[in-house]
């Protein structure tokens, strides 16, 4: 963008039009020629290994969810029936809670093991890539 004025349309020739100078003051101070800032750039090269890795949290969450489903199925399948000889001191909610703790813990562990297996399988596809790292910093001229 420019701060130059837009000339008004007039019928006068361009030579007789008055031109006013515009003074633009900058808010940022301009560096003087003597205090020029010197910037030094360092470039380093390195070789890195790039590979895909599974998200362990997702595998463990999926294992916990499957463990909860197994706990629900076991609770509904093997709910004890009241009998007149052996009194039952637990209800279905308590059985589900205990099975949920056990099955969800086992599911989390199995999910982590599956993620580790995928990690080992995907490690065989790793590739080495050359990279360059640039670091720019100001050079201080202190005597």
C-alpha atoms as a PDB file:
ATOM      1  CA  UNK A   1       0.000   0.000   0.000  1.00  0.00           C
ATOM      2  CA  UNK A   2       1.078   3.503  -0.598  1.00  0.00           C
ATOM      3  CA  UNK A   3       0.329   6.685   1.296  1.00  0.00           C
ATOM      4  CA  UNK A   4       0.587   8.721  -1.894  1.00  0.00           C
ATOM      5  CA  UNK A   5      -2.381  10.970  -2.589  1.00  0.00           C
ATOM      6  CA  UNK A   6      -4.695  10.056  -5.401  1.00  0.00           C
ATOM      7  CA  UNK A   7      -4.641  12.826  -8.003  1.00  0.00           C
ATOM      8  CA  UNK A   8      -8.002  14.465  -8.548  1.00  0.00           C
ATOM      9  CA  UNK A   9      -9.330  14.514 -12.047  1.00  0.00           C
ATOM     10  CA  UNK A  10      -9.050  17.946 -13.497  1.00  0.00           C
ATOM     11  CA  UNK A  11      -8.980  19.516 -16.904  1.00  0.00           C
ATOM     12  CA  UNK A  12      -5.701  21.318 -16.173  1.00  0.00           C
ATOM     13  CA  UNK A  13      -2.554  20.022 -17.809  1.00  0.00           C
ATOM     14  CA  UNK A  14      -0.278  17.861 -15.673  1.00  0.00           C
ATOM     15  CA  UNK A  15       2.529  20.432 -15.673  1.00  0.00           C
ATOM     16  CA  UNK A  16       0.496  23.016 -13.758  1.00  0.00           C
ATOM     17  CA  UNK A  17      -0.802  20.625 -11.063  1.00  0.00           C
ATOM     18  CA  UNK A  18       0.606  21.301  -7.600  1.00  0.00           C
ATOM     19  CA  UNK A  19       2.469  18.412  -5.935  1.00  0.00           C
ATOM     20  CA  UNK A  20       2.790  18.304  -2.165  1.00  0.00           C
ATOM     21  CA  UNK A  21       5.470  16.129  -0.560  1.00  0.00           C
ATOM     22  CA  UNK A  22       4.239  13.589   1.963  1.00  0.00           C
ATOM     23  CA  UNK A  23       6.360  12.966   5.023  1.00  0.00           C
ATOM     24  CA  UNK A  24       6.028   9.415   6.336  1.00  0.00           C
ATOM     25  CA  UNK A  25       7.395   8.721   9.798  1.00  0.00           C
ATOM     26  CA  UNK A  26       8.141   5.145  10.682  1.00  0.00           C
ATOM     27  CA  UNK A  27       7.338   3.854  14.160  1.00  0.00           C
ATOM     28  CA  UNK A  28      10.305   1.442  14.127  1.00  0.00           C
ATOM     29  CA  UNK A  29      13.750   3.025  14.305  1.00  0.00           C
ATOM     30  CA  UNK A  30      15.890   2.482  11.254  1.00  0.00           C
ATOM     31  CA  UNK A  31      19.344   1.012  11.960  1.00  0.00           C
ATOM     32  CA  UNK A  32      22.218   3.260  11.098  1.00  0.00           C
ATOM     33  CA  UNK A  33      24.823   2.105   8.610  1.00  0.00           C
ATOM     34  CA  UNK A  34      27.439   1.869  11.378  1.00  0.00           C
ATOM     35  CA  UNK A  35      25.284  -0.329  13.624  1.00  0.00           C
ATOM     36  CA  UNK A  36      24.320  -2.919  11.034  1.00  0.00           C
ATOM     37  CA  UNK A  37      23.211  -6.279  12.461  1.00  0.00           C
ATOM     38  CA  UNK A  38      25.261  -9.233  11.287  1.00  0.00           C
ATOM     39  CA  UNK A  39      23.564 -12.612  11.120  1.00  0.00           C
ATOM     40  CA  UNK A  40      25.500 -15.857  10.998  1.00  0.00           C
ATOM     41  CA  UNK A  41      23.908 -19.082   9.774  1.00  0.00           C
ATOM     42  CA  UNK A  42      25.163 -22.519  10.782  1.00  0.00           C
ATOM     43  CA  UNK A  43      24.096 -25.526   8.716  1.00  0.00           C
ATOM     44  CA  UNK A  44      24.534 -29.035  10.082  1.00  0.00           C
ATOM     45  CA  UNK A  45      23.757 -32.271   8.256  1.00  0.00           C
ATOM     46  CA  UNK A  46      22.603 -35.455   9.919  1.00  0.00           C
ATOM     47  CA  UNK A  47      21.025 -38.783   9.033  1.00  0.00           C
ATOM     48  CA  UNK A  48      17.784 -39.721  10.790  1.00  0.00           C
ATOM     49  CA  UNK A  49      15.547 -42.785  10.681  1.00  0.00           C
ATOM     50  CA  UNK A  50      11.924 -42.227   9.712  1.00  0.00           C
ATOM     51  CA  UNK A  51       9.312 -44.873  10.462  1.00  0.00           C
ATOM     52  CA  UNK A  52       5.665 -45.241  11.345  1.00  0.00           C
ATOM     53  CA  UNK A  53       4.685 -46.019  14.917  1.00  0.00           C
ATOM     54  CA  UNK A  54       1.300 -47.084  16.298  1.00  0.00           C
ATOM     55  CA  UNK A  55      -0.539 -44.933  18.835  1.00  0.00           C
ATOM     56  CA  UNK A  56      -0.318 -46.983  22.012  1.00  0.00           C
ATOM     57  CA  UNK A  57      -3.133 -45.134  23.773  1.00  0.00           C
ATOM     58  CA  UNK A  58      -5.636 -46.062  21.093  1.00  0.00           C
ATOM     59  CA  UNK A  59      -4.700 -49.728  21.198  1.00  0.00           C
ATOM     60  CA  UNK A  60      -4.935 -49.787  24.992  1.00  0.00           C
ATOM     61  CA  UNK A  61      -8.303 -47.981  24.950  1.00  0.00           C
ATOM     62  CA  UNK A  62      -9.628 -50.433  22.377  1.00  0.00           C
ATOM     63  CA  UNK A  63      -8.422 -53.335  24.565  1.00  0.00           C
ATOM     64  CA  UNK A  64     -10.182 -51.835  27.615  1.00  0.00           C
ATOM     65  CA  UNK A  65     -13.401 -51.447  25.600  1.00  0.00           C
ATOM     66  CA  UNK A  66     -13.260 -55.032  24.405  1.00  0.00           C
ATOM     67  CA  UNK A  67     -12.581 -56.134  27.999  1.00  0.00           C
ATOM     68  CA  UNK A  68     -15.717 -54.261  29.134  1.00  0.00           C
ATOM     69  CA  UNK A  69     -17.780 -56.025  26.470  1.00  0.00           C
ATOM     70  CA  UNK A  70     -16.395 -59.405  27.572  1.00  0.00           C
ATOM     71  CA  UNK A  71     -17.240 -58.542  31.208  1.00  0.00           C
ATOM     72  CA  UNK A  72     -20.810 -57.675  30.218  1.00  0.00           C
ATOM     73  CA  UNK A  73     -21.231 -60.919  28.280  1.00  0.00           C
ATOM     74  CA  UNK A  74     -19.823 -62.976  31.159  1.00  0.00           C
ATOM     75  CA  UNK A  75     -22.073 -61.206  33.655  1.00  0.00           C
ATOM     76  CA  UNK A  76     -25.201 -61.865  31.605  1.00  0.00           C
ATOM     77  CA  UNK A  77     -24.191 -65.455  30.862  1.00  0.00           C
ATOM     78  CA  UNK A  78     -23.268 -66.622  34.334  1.00  0.00           C
ATOM     79  CA  UNK A  79     -25.462 -64.670  36.744  1.00  0.00           C
ATOM     80  CA  UNK A  80     -26.052 -66.942  39.731  1.00  0.00           C
ATOM     81  CA  UNK A  81     -29.622 -68.029  40.416  1.00  0.00           C
ATOM     82  CA  UNK A  82     -31.112 -67.940  43.855  1.00  0.00           C
ATOM     83  CA  UNK A  83     -31.354 -71.387  45.342  1.00  0.00           C
ATOM     84  CA  UNK A  84     -32.855 -72.501  48.603  1.00  0.00           C
ATOM     85  CA  UNK A  85     -29.720 -74.409  49.628  1.00  0.00           C
ATOM     86  CA  UNK A  86     -26.934 -71.840  48.935  1.00  0.00           C
ATOM     87  CA  UNK A  87     -27.725 -68.193  49.577  1.00  0.00           C
ATOM     88  CA  UNK A  88     -26.063 -65.817  47.111  1.00  0.00           C
ATOM     89  CA  UNK A  89     -24.572 -62.670  48.673  1.00  0.00           C
ATOM     90  CA  UNK A  90     -23.829 -60.760  45.424  1.00  0.00           C
ATOM     91  CA  UNK A  91     -26.033 -59.263  42.789  1.00  0.00           C
ATOM     92  CA  UNK A  92     -25.410 -58.778  39.043  1.00  0.00           C
ATOM     93  CA  UNK A  93     -23.978 -55.254  39.439  1.00  0.00           C
ATOM     94  CA  UNK A  94     -21.275 -56.387  41.817  1.00  0.00           C
ATOM     95  CA  UNK A  95     -20.367 -59.303  39.571  1.00  0.00           C
ATOM     96  CA  UNK A  96     -20.160 -56.948  36.583  1.00  0.00           C
ATOM     97  CA  UNK A  97     -17.950 -54.513  38.537  1.00  0.00           C
ATOM     98  CA  UNK A  98     -15.450 -57.187  39.530  1.00  0.00           C
ATOM     99  CA  UNK A  99     -15.385 -58.687  36.039  1.00  0.00           C
ATOM    100  CA  UNK A 100     -15.003 -55.211  34.542  1.00  0.00           C
ATOM    101  CA  UNK A 101     -11.906 -54.542  36.657  1.00  0.00           C
ATOM    102  CA  UNK A 102     -10.350 -57.843  35.706  1.00  0.00           C
ATOM    103  CA  UNK A 103     -11.305 -57.930  32.004  1.00  0.00           C
ATOM    104  CA  UNK A 104     -10.508 -54.261  31.334  1.00  0.00           C
ATOM    105  CA  UNK A 105      -7.050 -54.666  32.896  1.00  0.00           C
ATOM    106  CA  UNK A 106      -6.374 -57.740  30.790  1.00  0.00           C
ATOM    107  CA  UNK A 107      -7.684 -55.900  27.701  1.00  0.00           C
ATOM    108  CA  UNK A 108      -5.352 -52.937  28.301  1.00  0.00           C
ATOM    109  CA  UNK A 109      -2.385 -55.291  28.629  1.00  0.00           C
ATOM    110  CA  UNK A 110      -3.326 -57.213  25.480  1.00  0.00           C
ATOM    111  CA  UNK A 111      -3.838 -53.941  23.567  1.00  0.00           C
ATOM    112  CA  UNK A 112      -0.354 -52.801  24.575  1.00  0.00           C
ATOM    113  CA  UNK A 113       1.121 -56.136  23.445  1.00  0.00           C
ATOM    114  CA  UNK A 114      -0.635 -55.863  20.067  1.00  0.00           C
ATOM    115  CA  UNK A 115       0.705 -52.310  19.666  1.00  0.00           C
ATOM    116  CA  UNK A 116       4.222 -53.542  20.457  1.00  0.00           C
ATOM    117  CA  UNK A 117       3.840 -56.302  17.849  1.00  0.00           C
ATOM    118  CA  UNK A 118       2.755 -53.727  15.246  1.00  0.00           C
ATOM    119  CA  UNK A 119       5.672 -51.497  16.249  1.00  0.00           C
ATOM    120  CA  UNK A 120       8.156 -54.323  15.690  1.00  0.00           C
ATOM    121  CA  UNK A 121       6.588 -55.194  12.341  1.00  0.00           C
ATOM    122  CA  UNK A 122       6.628 -51.583  11.146  1.00  0.00           C
ATOM    123  CA  UNK A 123      10.242 -51.088  12.284  1.00  0.00           C
ATOM    124  CA  UNK A 124      11.369 -53.250   9.372  1.00  0.00           C
ATOM    125  CA  UNK A 125      10.100 -50.593   6.948  1.00  0.00           C
ATOM    126  CA  UNK A 126      12.217 -47.817   8.471  1.00  0.00           C
ATOM    127  CA  UNK A 127      14.075 -45.541   6.056  1.00  0.00           C
ATOM    128  CA  UNK A 128      17.152 -43.380   6.609  1.00  0.00           C
ATOM    129  CA  UNK A 129      16.901 -39.793   5.400  1.00  0.00           C
ATOM    130  CA  UNK A 130      19.498 -37.023   5.296  1.00  0.00           C
ATOM    131  CA  UNK A 131      18.388 -33.748   6.884  1.00  0.00           C
ATOM    132  CA  UNK A 132      19.897 -30.284   7.183  1.00  0.00           C
ATOM    133  CA  UNK A 133      19.370 -28.082  10.217  1.00  0.00           C
ATOM    134  CA  UNK A 134      19.885 -24.321   9.915  1.00  0.00           C
ATOM    135  CA  UNK A 135      20.480 -22.110  12.931  1.00  0.00           C
ATOM    136  CA  UNK A 136      20.647 -18.342  12.418  1.00  0.00           C
ATOM    137  CA  UNK A 137      21.871 -16.085  15.188  1.00  0.00           C
ATOM    138  CA  UNK A 138      23.113 -12.542  15.564  1.00  0.00           C
ATOM    139  CA  UNK A 139      26.852 -11.941  15.751  1.00  0.00           C
ATOM    140  CA  UNK A 140      27.764  -9.587  18.574  1.00  0.00           C
ATOM    141  CA  UNK A 141      30.761  -7.416  17.904  1.00  0.00           C
ATOM    142  CA  UNK A 142      32.067  -6.892  21.413  1.00  0.00           C
ATOM    143  CA  UNK A 143      35.802  -6.136  21.679  1.00  0.00           C
END
